[in-house]
């Protein structure tokens, strides 16, 4: 077993190996290892399609910011080698030619109930391939899970303090 306490979710959740939360997490190491593997897969897949590693990291940082998690945003922003502009939710992606992608990701991340078929059609009209639409949905779904996992871990760790 690898050191689960160095993995993103536990590290950013502030979980100590000696705490009750840490002991519970250790007994569920496989789930946490799979969570880390999922993060690695959505941020740095073997086939990036039309979504570069920098764009993925910027979108992940952006989603974290839209959900009020600056520590997670900083974690993803640190992965950006090039232009980090899109990690800022105030930027719309027009200058980078990805405005439709950014609008979709923001809506899915912050106004999920309002997402409709037309949002996917807008991506297709902007030239985003169906495979890349799936990749965007995977990234957003993982971040939704991870943000909630980390928030729960922080609450549990705080309750045990």
N, C-alpha and C. Protein backbone atom coordinates (compact mmCIF):
# COMPACT_ATOMS: atom_id res chain seq x y z
N UNK A 1 0.84 -1.18 0.00
CA UNK A 1 0.00 0.00 0.00
C UNK A 1 0.89 1.24 0.00
N UNK A 2 0.54 2.20 -0.84
CA UNK A 2 1.27 3.46 -0.86
C UNK A 2 0.84 4.32 0.33
N UNK A 3 1.53 5.42 0.52
CA UNK A 3 1.18 6.32 1.61
C UNK A 3 -0.07 7.11 1.24
N UNK A 4 -1.19 6.68 1.72
CA UNK A 4 -2.45 7.34 1.37
C UNK A 4 -2.52 8.75 1.91
N UNK A 5 -1.75 9.07 2.94
CA UNK A 5 -1.83 10.39 3.56
C UNK A 5 -1.13 11.47 2.74
N UNK A 6 -0.42 11.06 1.70
CA UNK A 6 0.17 12.00 0.77
C UNK A 6 -0.72 12.25 -0.44
N UNK A 7 -1.80 11.49 -0.53
CA UNK A 7 -2.72 11.64 -1.66
C UNK A 7 -3.53 12.93 -1.50
N UNK A 8 -3.93 13.48 -2.61
CA UNK A 8 -4.60 14.78 -2.65
C UNK A 8 -5.74 14.90 -1.65
N UNK A 9 -6.67 13.99 -1.66
CA UNK A 9 -7.88 14.14 -0.85
C UNK A 9 -7.57 14.16 0.64
N UNK A 10 -6.73 13.26 1.11
CA UNK A 10 -6.41 13.24 2.54
C UNK A 10 -5.50 14.40 2.93
N UNK A 11 -4.54 14.70 2.06
CA UNK A 11 -3.63 15.81 2.36
C UNK A 11 -4.39 17.13 2.45
N UNK A 12 -5.22 17.42 1.45
CA UNK A 12 -5.98 18.68 1.46
C UNK A 12 -7.14 18.64 2.45
N UNK A 13 -7.55 17.45 2.82
CA UNK A 13 -8.57 17.31 3.85
C UNK A 13 -8.01 17.52 5.25
N UNK A 14 -6.68 17.62 5.34
CA UNK A 14 -6.03 17.86 6.63
C UNK A 14 -6.08 16.66 7.56
N UNK A 15 -6.15 15.47 6.98
CA UNK A 15 -6.30 14.26 7.79
C UNK A 15 -4.95 13.78 8.29
N UNK A 16 -4.85 13.62 9.58
CA UNK A 16 -3.65 13.13 10.24
C UNK A 16 -3.76 11.60 10.39
N UNK A 17 -2.67 10.89 10.15
CA UNK A 17 -2.71 9.43 10.31
C UNK A 17 -3.10 8.98 11.72
N UNK A 18 -2.80 9.82 12.71
CA UNK A 18 -3.08 9.45 14.10
C UNK A 18 -4.51 9.76 14.53
N UNK A 19 -5.23 10.54 13.75
CA UNK A 19 -6.59 10.92 14.15
C UNK A 19 -7.58 9.78 13.90
N UNK A 20 -8.76 9.92 14.48
CA UNK A 20 -9.82 8.93 14.25
C UNK A 20 -10.17 8.88 12.76
N UNK A 21 -10.21 10.03 12.13
CA UNK A 21 -10.49 10.08 10.69
C UNK A 21 -9.39 9.38 9.91
N UNK A 22 -8.14 9.62 10.31
CA UNK A 22 -7.00 8.97 9.66
C UNK A 22 -7.03 7.46 9.79
N UNK A 23 -7.39 6.99 10.97
CA UNK A 23 -7.49 5.54 11.18
C UNK A 23 -8.62 4.94 10.34
N UNK A 24 -9.73 5.66 10.26
CA UNK A 24 -10.83 5.18 9.42
C UNK A 24 -10.42 5.18 7.95
N UNK A 25 -9.71 6.22 7.54
CA UNK A 25 -9.25 6.31 6.14
C UNK A 25 -8.29 5.17 5.83
N UNK A 26 -7.40 4.86 6.75
CA UNK A 26 -6.44 3.78 6.53
C UNK A 26 -7.13 2.44 6.31
N UNK A 27 -8.27 2.26 6.96
CA UNK A 27 -9.01 1.00 6.78
C UNK A 27 -9.74 0.97 5.43
N UNK A 28 -9.76 2.09 4.76
CA UNK A 28 -10.40 2.19 3.44
C UNK A 28 -9.39 2.65 2.39
N UNK A 29 -8.17 2.20 2.55
CA UNK A 29 -7.08 2.64 1.69
C UNK A 29 -7.36 2.39 0.22
N UNK A 30 -7.96 1.28 -0.11
CA UNK A 30 -8.20 0.95 -1.52
C UNK A 30 -9.09 2.00 -2.18
N UNK A 31 -10.13 2.44 -1.49
CA UNK A 31 -11.02 3.47 -2.04
C UNK A 31 -10.24 4.76 -2.28
N UNK A 32 -9.38 5.12 -1.35
CA UNK A 32 -8.58 6.33 -1.50
C UNK A 32 -7.55 6.20 -2.61
N UNK A 33 -6.98 5.02 -2.76
CA UNK A 33 -6.06 4.78 -3.87
C UNK A 33 -6.78 4.89 -5.21
N UNK A 34 -8.00 4.37 -5.27
CA UNK A 34 -8.80 4.49 -6.49
C UNK A 34 -9.20 5.93 -6.77
N UNK A 35 -9.46 6.69 -5.71
CA UNK A 35 -9.76 8.11 -5.87
C UNK A 35 -8.56 8.83 -6.48
N UNK A 36 -7.37 8.54 -5.98
CA UNK A 36 -6.16 9.16 -6.53
C UNK A 36 -5.95 8.73 -7.98
N UNK A 37 -6.19 7.47 -8.27
CA UNK A 37 -6.05 6.98 -9.64
C UNK A 37 -7.03 7.69 -10.57
N UNK A 38 -8.24 7.95 -10.08
CA UNK A 38 -9.23 8.68 -10.88
C UNK A 38 -8.76 10.11 -11.14
N UNK A 39 -8.20 10.74 -10.12
CA UNK A 39 -7.66 12.09 -10.32
C UNK A 39 -6.58 12.08 -11.39
N UNK A 40 -5.66 11.15 -11.27
CA UNK A 40 -4.58 11.04 -12.26
C UNK A 40 -5.14 10.80 -13.66
N UNK A 41 -6.18 9.99 -13.75
CA UNK A 41 -6.76 9.65 -15.06
C UNK A 41 -7.46 10.83 -15.71
N UNK A 42 -8.15 11.66 -14.94
CA UNK A 42 -8.85 12.78 -15.56
C UNK A 42 -7.94 13.98 -15.80
N UNK A 43 -6.86 14.09 -15.02
CA UNK A 43 -5.94 15.22 -15.21
C UNK A 43 -4.83 14.92 -16.20
N UNK A 44 -4.40 13.69 -16.27
CA UNK A 44 -3.28 13.32 -17.14
C UNK A 44 -3.54 11.97 -17.80
N UNK A 45 -4.58 11.88 -18.61
CA UNK A 45 -4.87 10.59 -19.25
C UNK A 45 -3.85 10.27 -20.35
N UNK A 46 -3.80 9.02 -20.72
CA UNK A 46 -2.92 8.63 -21.82
C UNK A 46 -3.34 9.33 -23.11
N UNK A 47 -4.64 9.46 -23.33
CA UNK A 47 -5.17 10.14 -24.51
C UNK A 47 -5.91 11.40 -24.06
N UNK A 48 -5.25 12.54 -24.23
CA UNK A 48 -5.85 13.81 -23.81
C UNK A 48 -6.92 14.30 -24.77
N UNK A 49 -6.99 13.69 -25.94
CA UNK A 49 -7.94 14.19 -26.93
C UNK A 49 -7.61 15.64 -27.25
N UNK A 50 -8.64 16.47 -27.32
CA UNK A 50 -8.44 17.88 -27.62
C UNK A 50 -8.34 18.76 -26.39
N UNK A 51 -8.11 18.15 -25.22
CA UNK A 51 -8.05 18.91 -23.98
C UNK A 51 -6.68 18.68 -23.35
N UNK A 52 -5.80 19.67 -23.51
CA UNK A 52 -4.42 19.53 -23.02
C UNK A 52 -4.36 19.39 -21.51
N UNK A 53 -3.22 18.96 -21.03
CA UNK A 53 -3.01 18.83 -19.58
C UNK A 53 -3.15 20.19 -18.90
N UNK A 54 -2.61 21.25 -19.52
CA UNK A 54 -2.74 22.58 -18.93
C UNK A 54 -4.19 23.03 -18.86
N UNK A 55 -4.94 22.78 -19.91
CA UNK A 55 -6.36 23.17 -19.91
C UNK A 55 -7.12 22.37 -18.86
N UNK A 56 -6.84 21.10 -18.74
CA UNK A 56 -7.49 20.28 -17.72
C UNK A 56 -7.19 20.82 -16.31
N UNK A 57 -5.92 21.13 -16.06
CA UNK A 57 -5.54 21.65 -14.74
C UNK A 57 -6.19 23.00 -14.48
N UNK A 58 -6.24 23.86 -15.50
CA UNK A 58 -6.88 25.17 -15.34
C UNK A 58 -8.36 25.02 -15.07
N UNK A 59 -9.01 24.12 -15.78
CA UNK A 59 -10.44 23.89 -15.55
C UNK A 59 -10.67 23.31 -14.15
N UNK A 60 -9.80 22.41 -13.71
CA UNK A 60 -9.94 21.84 -12.37
C UNK A 60 -9.78 22.92 -11.31
N UNK A 61 -8.77 23.78 -11.47
CA UNK A 61 -8.56 24.88 -10.52
C UNK A 61 -9.77 25.82 -10.53
N UNK A 62 -10.28 26.08 -11.69
CA UNK A 62 -11.45 26.96 -11.86
C UNK A 62 -12.67 26.37 -11.13
N UNK A 63 -12.91 25.08 -11.33
CA UNK A 63 -14.04 24.41 -10.68
C UNK A 63 -13.89 24.46 -9.17
N UNK A 64 -12.67 24.21 -8.69
CA UNK A 64 -12.43 24.28 -7.25
C UNK A 64 -12.73 25.69 -6.73
N UNK A 65 -12.32 26.71 -7.46
CA UNK A 65 -12.60 28.09 -7.04
C UNK A 65 -14.09 28.38 -7.07
N UNK A 66 -14.77 27.91 -8.09
CA UNK A 66 -16.22 28.12 -8.17
C UNK A 66 -16.95 27.47 -7.00
N UNK A 67 -16.31 26.46 -6.42
CA UNK A 67 -16.89 25.76 -5.27
C UNK A 67 -16.25 26.19 -3.95
N UNK A 68 -15.49 27.26 -3.98
CA UNK A 68 -14.95 27.84 -2.75
C UNK A 68 -13.81 27.09 -2.10
N UNK A 69 -13.07 26.29 -2.85
CA UNK A 69 -11.96 25.54 -2.27
C UNK A 69 -10.64 26.04 -2.87
N UNK A 70 -10.09 27.06 -2.25
CA UNK A 70 -8.86 27.67 -2.76
C UNK A 70 -7.66 26.74 -2.62
N UNK A 71 -7.61 25.93 -1.59
CA UNK A 71 -6.48 25.00 -1.43
C UNK A 71 -6.46 23.99 -2.58
N UNK A 72 -7.61 23.46 -2.94
CA UNK A 72 -7.69 22.53 -4.06
C UNK A 72 -7.38 23.25 -5.37
N UNK A 73 -7.86 24.48 -5.51
CA UNK A 73 -7.56 25.27 -6.70
C UNK A 73 -6.05 25.46 -6.85
N UNK A 74 -5.38 25.77 -5.76
CA UNK A 74 -3.93 25.96 -5.80
C UNK A 74 -3.22 24.65 -6.17
N UNK A 75 -3.73 23.54 -5.67
CA UNK A 75 -3.16 22.23 -6.01
C UNK A 75 -3.20 22.01 -7.52
N UNK A 76 -4.33 22.29 -8.13
CA UNK A 76 -4.45 22.10 -9.58
C UNK A 76 -3.72 23.17 -10.37
N UNK A 77 -3.74 24.41 -9.89
CA UNK A 77 -3.03 25.49 -10.59
C UNK A 77 -1.54 25.21 -10.64
N UNK A 78 -1.00 24.54 -9.63
CA UNK A 78 0.42 24.21 -9.60
C UNK A 78 0.81 23.24 -10.73
N UNK A 79 -0.16 22.57 -11.31
CA UNK A 79 0.11 21.63 -12.40
C UNK A 79 0.23 22.33 -13.74
N UNK A 80 -0.18 23.59 -13.80
CA UNK A 80 -0.21 24.32 -15.07
C UNK A 80 1.20 24.78 -15.42
N UNK A 81 1.67 24.37 -16.58
CA UNK A 81 3.00 24.72 -17.05
C UNK A 81 2.96 26.02 -17.86
N UNK A 82 1.89 26.19 -18.63
CA UNK A 82 1.77 27.35 -19.51
C UNK A 82 0.84 28.41 -18.94
N UNK A 83 -0.09 28.83 -19.75
CA UNK A 83 -1.03 29.90 -19.42
C UNK A 83 -2.05 29.44 -18.38
N UNK A 84 -2.09 30.12 -17.25
CA UNK A 84 -3.01 29.76 -16.17
C UNK A 84 -4.25 30.65 -16.14
N UNK A 85 -4.44 31.46 -17.15
CA UNK A 85 -5.53 32.43 -17.18
C UNK A 85 -6.89 31.80 -16.87
N UNK A 86 -7.16 30.65 -17.44
CA UNK A 86 -8.50 30.06 -17.30
C UNK A 86 -8.77 29.49 -15.92
N UNK A 87 -7.76 29.44 -15.07
CA UNK A 87 -7.99 29.01 -13.69
C UNK A 87 -8.78 30.07 -12.92
N UNK A 88 -8.86 31.26 -13.49
CA UNK A 88 -9.59 32.39 -12.89
C UNK A 88 -11.02 32.39 -13.42
N UNK A 89 -12.01 32.19 -12.55
CA UNK A 89 -13.41 32.16 -13.01
C UNK A 89 -13.89 33.47 -13.65
N UNK A 90 -13.13 34.55 -13.49
CA UNK A 90 -13.51 35.81 -14.13
C UNK A 90 -13.19 35.81 -15.63
N UNK A 91 -12.38 34.87 -16.07
CA UNK A 91 -12.02 34.77 -17.49
C UNK A 91 -13.01 33.87 -18.21
N UNK A 92 -13.41 34.27 -19.42
CA UNK A 92 -14.45 33.51 -20.12
C UNK A 92 -13.95 32.54 -21.18
N UNK A 93 -12.65 32.54 -21.44
CA UNK A 93 -12.09 31.60 -22.41
C UNK A 93 -12.14 32.07 -23.84
N UNK A 94 -12.73 33.23 -24.10
CA UNK A 94 -12.83 33.72 -25.48
C UNK A 94 -11.46 33.94 -26.10
N UNK A 95 -10.54 34.54 -25.35
CA UNK A 95 -9.20 34.82 -25.88
C UNK A 95 -8.44 33.55 -26.24
N UNK A 96 -8.77 32.46 -25.57
CA UNK A 96 -8.10 31.18 -25.83
C UNK A 96 -8.89 30.31 -26.82
N UNK A 97 -10.03 30.78 -27.27
CA UNK A 97 -10.85 30.03 -28.22
C UNK A 97 -11.62 28.88 -27.61
N UNK A 98 -11.85 28.93 -26.29
CA UNK A 98 -12.55 27.84 -25.61
C UNK A 98 -13.74 28.35 -24.78
N UNK A 99 -14.35 29.43 -25.24
CA UNK A 99 -15.44 30.04 -24.47
C UNK A 99 -16.60 29.07 -24.25
N UNK A 100 -16.96 28.29 -25.26
CA UNK A 100 -18.07 27.34 -25.11
C UNK A 100 -17.71 26.28 -24.07
N UNK A 101 -16.48 25.82 -24.09
CA UNK A 101 -16.03 24.81 -23.14
C UNK A 101 -16.05 25.37 -21.71
N UNK A 102 -15.56 26.58 -21.55
CA UNK A 102 -15.52 27.21 -20.23
C UNK A 102 -16.94 27.44 -19.71
N UNK A 103 -17.82 27.94 -20.57
CA UNK A 103 -19.21 28.18 -20.16
C UNK A 103 -19.87 26.88 -19.72
N UNK A 104 -19.63 25.81 -20.45
CA UNK A 104 -20.20 24.50 -20.10
C UNK A 104 -19.66 24.02 -18.76
N UNK A 105 -18.34 24.09 -18.59
CA UNK A 105 -17.75 23.61 -17.35
C UNK A 105 -18.23 24.42 -16.15
N UNK A 106 -18.33 25.73 -16.31
CA UNK A 106 -18.82 26.57 -15.21
C UNK A 106 -20.25 26.22 -14.85
N UNK A 107 -21.07 26.02 -15.86
CA UNK A 107 -22.48 25.70 -15.61
C UNK A 107 -22.62 24.35 -14.92
N UNK A 108 -21.90 23.37 -15.39
CA UNK A 108 -21.98 22.04 -14.78
C UNK A 108 -21.45 22.09 -13.34
N UNK A 109 -20.41 22.88 -13.11
CA UNK A 109 -19.81 22.95 -11.78
C UNK A 109 -20.63 23.75 -10.78
N UNK A 110 -21.29 24.81 -11.25
CA UNK A 110 -21.92 25.72 -10.30
C UNK A 110 -23.45 25.83 -10.41
N UNK A 111 -23.98 25.41 -11.54
CA UNK A 111 -25.44 25.51 -11.75
C UNK A 111 -25.95 24.23 -12.41
N UNK A 112 -25.60 23.13 -11.81
CA UNK A 112 -25.85 21.81 -12.39
C UNK A 112 -27.30 21.59 -12.79
N UNK A 113 -28.22 22.03 -11.96
CA UNK A 113 -29.64 21.80 -12.24
C UNK A 113 -30.10 22.45 -13.54
N UNK A 114 -29.38 23.46 -13.99
CA UNK A 114 -29.76 24.16 -15.21
C UNK A 114 -29.17 23.59 -16.49
N UNK A 115 -28.35 22.56 -16.37
CA UNK A 115 -27.71 21.97 -17.55
C UNK A 115 -28.77 21.24 -18.38
N UNK A 116 -28.75 21.50 -19.69
CA UNK A 116 -29.73 20.89 -20.59
C UNK A 116 -29.03 20.42 -21.87
N UNK A 117 -29.76 19.73 -22.68
CA UNK A 117 -29.21 19.20 -23.94
C UNK A 117 -28.61 20.30 -24.80
N UNK A 118 -29.18 21.48 -24.74
CA UNK A 118 -28.67 22.61 -25.52
C UNK A 118 -27.24 22.98 -25.16
N UNK A 119 -26.85 22.70 -23.92
CA UNK A 119 -25.48 22.99 -23.50
C UNK A 119 -24.49 22.07 -24.22
N UNK A 120 -24.87 20.84 -24.40
CA UNK A 120 -24.03 19.91 -25.15
C UNK A 120 -24.03 20.29 -26.63
N UNK A 121 -25.17 20.68 -27.14
CA UNK A 121 -25.25 21.12 -28.54
C UNK A 121 -24.36 22.32 -28.79
N UNK A 122 -24.28 23.23 -27.83
CA UNK A 122 -23.42 24.41 -27.97
C UNK A 122 -21.96 23.99 -28.08
N UNK A 123 -21.57 22.98 -27.32
CA UNK A 123 -20.19 22.48 -27.42
C UNK A 123 -19.95 21.87 -28.80
N UNK A 124 -20.89 21.08 -29.26
CA UNK A 124 -20.75 20.46 -30.58
C UNK A 124 -20.67 21.53 -31.67
N UNK A 125 -21.50 22.57 -31.55
CA UNK A 125 -21.49 23.67 -32.53
C UNK A 125 -20.16 24.42 -32.51
N UNK A 126 -19.51 24.45 -31.35
CA UNK A 126 -18.22 25.11 -31.22
C UNK A 126 -17.07 24.23 -31.70
N UNK A 127 -17.39 23.01 -32.16
CA UNK A 127 -16.37 22.11 -32.69
C UNK A 127 -15.75 21.16 -31.69
N UNK A 128 -16.35 21.07 -30.50
CA UNK A 128 -15.83 20.14 -29.50
C UNK A 128 -16.36 18.74 -29.86
N UNK A 129 -15.46 17.79 -29.96
CA UNK A 129 -15.85 16.43 -30.34
C UNK A 129 -16.66 15.77 -29.24
N UNK A 130 -17.44 14.78 -29.61
CA UNK A 130 -18.22 14.04 -28.61
C UNK A 130 -17.30 13.40 -27.56
N UNK A 131 -16.16 12.87 -28.01
CA UNK A 131 -15.22 12.26 -27.05
C UNK A 131 -14.70 13.30 -26.06
N UNK A 132 -14.45 14.51 -26.53
CA UNK A 132 -13.98 15.56 -25.62
C UNK A 132 -15.10 16.05 -24.71
N UNK A 133 -16.33 16.02 -25.16
CA UNK A 133 -17.46 16.37 -24.29
C UNK A 133 -17.53 15.36 -23.14
N UNK A 134 -17.33 14.10 -23.44
CA UNK A 134 -17.30 13.07 -22.40
C UNK A 134 -16.13 13.33 -21.46
N UNK A 135 -14.97 13.69 -22.00
CA UNK A 135 -13.80 13.98 -21.16
C UNK A 135 -14.08 15.15 -20.21
N UNK A 136 -14.74 16.17 -20.72
CA UNK A 136 -15.10 17.32 -19.87
C UNK A 136 -16.06 16.91 -18.77
N UNK A 137 -17.04 16.09 -19.12
CA UNK A 137 -18.01 15.61 -18.12
C UNK A 137 -17.31 14.77 -17.06
N UNK A 138 -16.36 13.94 -17.47
CA UNK A 138 -15.61 13.13 -16.51
C UNK A 138 -14.82 14.01 -15.55
N UNK A 139 -14.17 15.03 -16.08
CA UNK A 139 -13.39 15.93 -15.23
C UNK A 139 -14.30 16.63 -14.22
N UNK A 140 -15.42 17.13 -14.69
CA UNK A 140 -16.34 17.84 -13.80
C UNK A 140 -16.93 16.90 -12.76
N UNK A 141 -17.29 15.70 -13.16
CA UNK A 141 -17.86 14.73 -12.22
C UNK A 141 -16.84 14.35 -11.14
N UNK A 142 -15.60 14.14 -11.56
CA UNK A 142 -14.58 13.80 -10.57
C UNK A 142 -14.39 14.94 -9.58
N UNK A 143 -14.32 16.18 -10.10
CA UNK A 143 -14.12 17.33 -9.19
C UNK A 143 -15.29 17.46 -8.23
N UNK A 144 -16.51 17.23 -8.69
CA UNK A 144 -17.67 17.30 -7.79
C UNK A 144 -17.50 16.31 -6.65
N UNK A 145 -17.08 15.11 -6.97
CA UNK A 145 -16.83 14.08 -5.96
C UNK A 145 -15.70 14.51 -5.02
N UNK A 146 -14.57 14.91 -5.60
CA UNK A 146 -13.41 15.23 -4.78
C UNK A 146 -13.66 16.42 -3.86
N UNK A 147 -14.31 17.44 -4.35
CA UNK A 147 -14.60 18.62 -3.53
C UNK A 147 -15.44 18.22 -2.33
N UNK A 148 -16.43 17.39 -2.54
CA UNK A 148 -17.29 16.96 -1.44
C UNK A 148 -16.56 16.02 -0.49
N UNK A 149 -15.72 15.15 -1.03
CA UNK A 149 -14.92 14.26 -0.19
C UNK A 149 -14.01 15.07 0.72
N UNK A 150 -13.29 16.02 0.15
CA UNK A 150 -12.37 16.83 0.94
C UNK A 150 -13.13 17.64 1.98
N UNK A 151 -14.25 18.22 1.62
CA UNK A 151 -15.05 18.98 2.59
C UNK A 151 -15.49 18.09 3.74
N UNK A 152 -15.91 16.87 3.43
CA UNK A 152 -16.33 15.93 4.47
C UNK A 152 -15.17 15.53 5.36
N UNK A 153 -14.01 15.29 4.77
CA UNK A 153 -12.83 14.94 5.54
C UNK A 153 -12.43 16.08 6.47
N UNK A 154 -12.50 17.30 5.98
CA UNK A 154 -12.18 18.46 6.83
C UNK A 154 -13.15 18.56 8.00
N UNK A 155 -14.41 18.33 7.74
CA UNK A 155 -15.39 18.36 8.82
C UNK A 155 -15.13 17.25 9.84
N UNK A 156 -14.86 16.05 9.33
CA UNK A 156 -14.59 14.93 10.24
C UNK A 156 -13.33 15.17 11.05
N UNK A 157 -12.30 15.66 10.41
CA UNK A 157 -11.03 15.90 11.10
C UNK A 157 -11.23 17.00 12.16
N UNK A 158 -12.01 18.03 11.83
CA UNK A 158 -12.29 19.09 12.79
C UNK A 158 -13.12 18.60 13.95
N UNK A 159 -14.05 17.68 13.69
CA UNK A 159 -14.90 17.15 14.76
C UNK A 159 -14.11 16.27 15.70
N UNK A 160 -13.05 15.65 15.20
CA UNK A 160 -12.25 14.76 16.02
C UNK A 160 -11.15 15.47 16.79
N UNK A 161 -10.98 16.77 16.48
CA UNK A 161 -9.88 17.53 17.12
C UNK A 161 -10.20 17.89 18.55
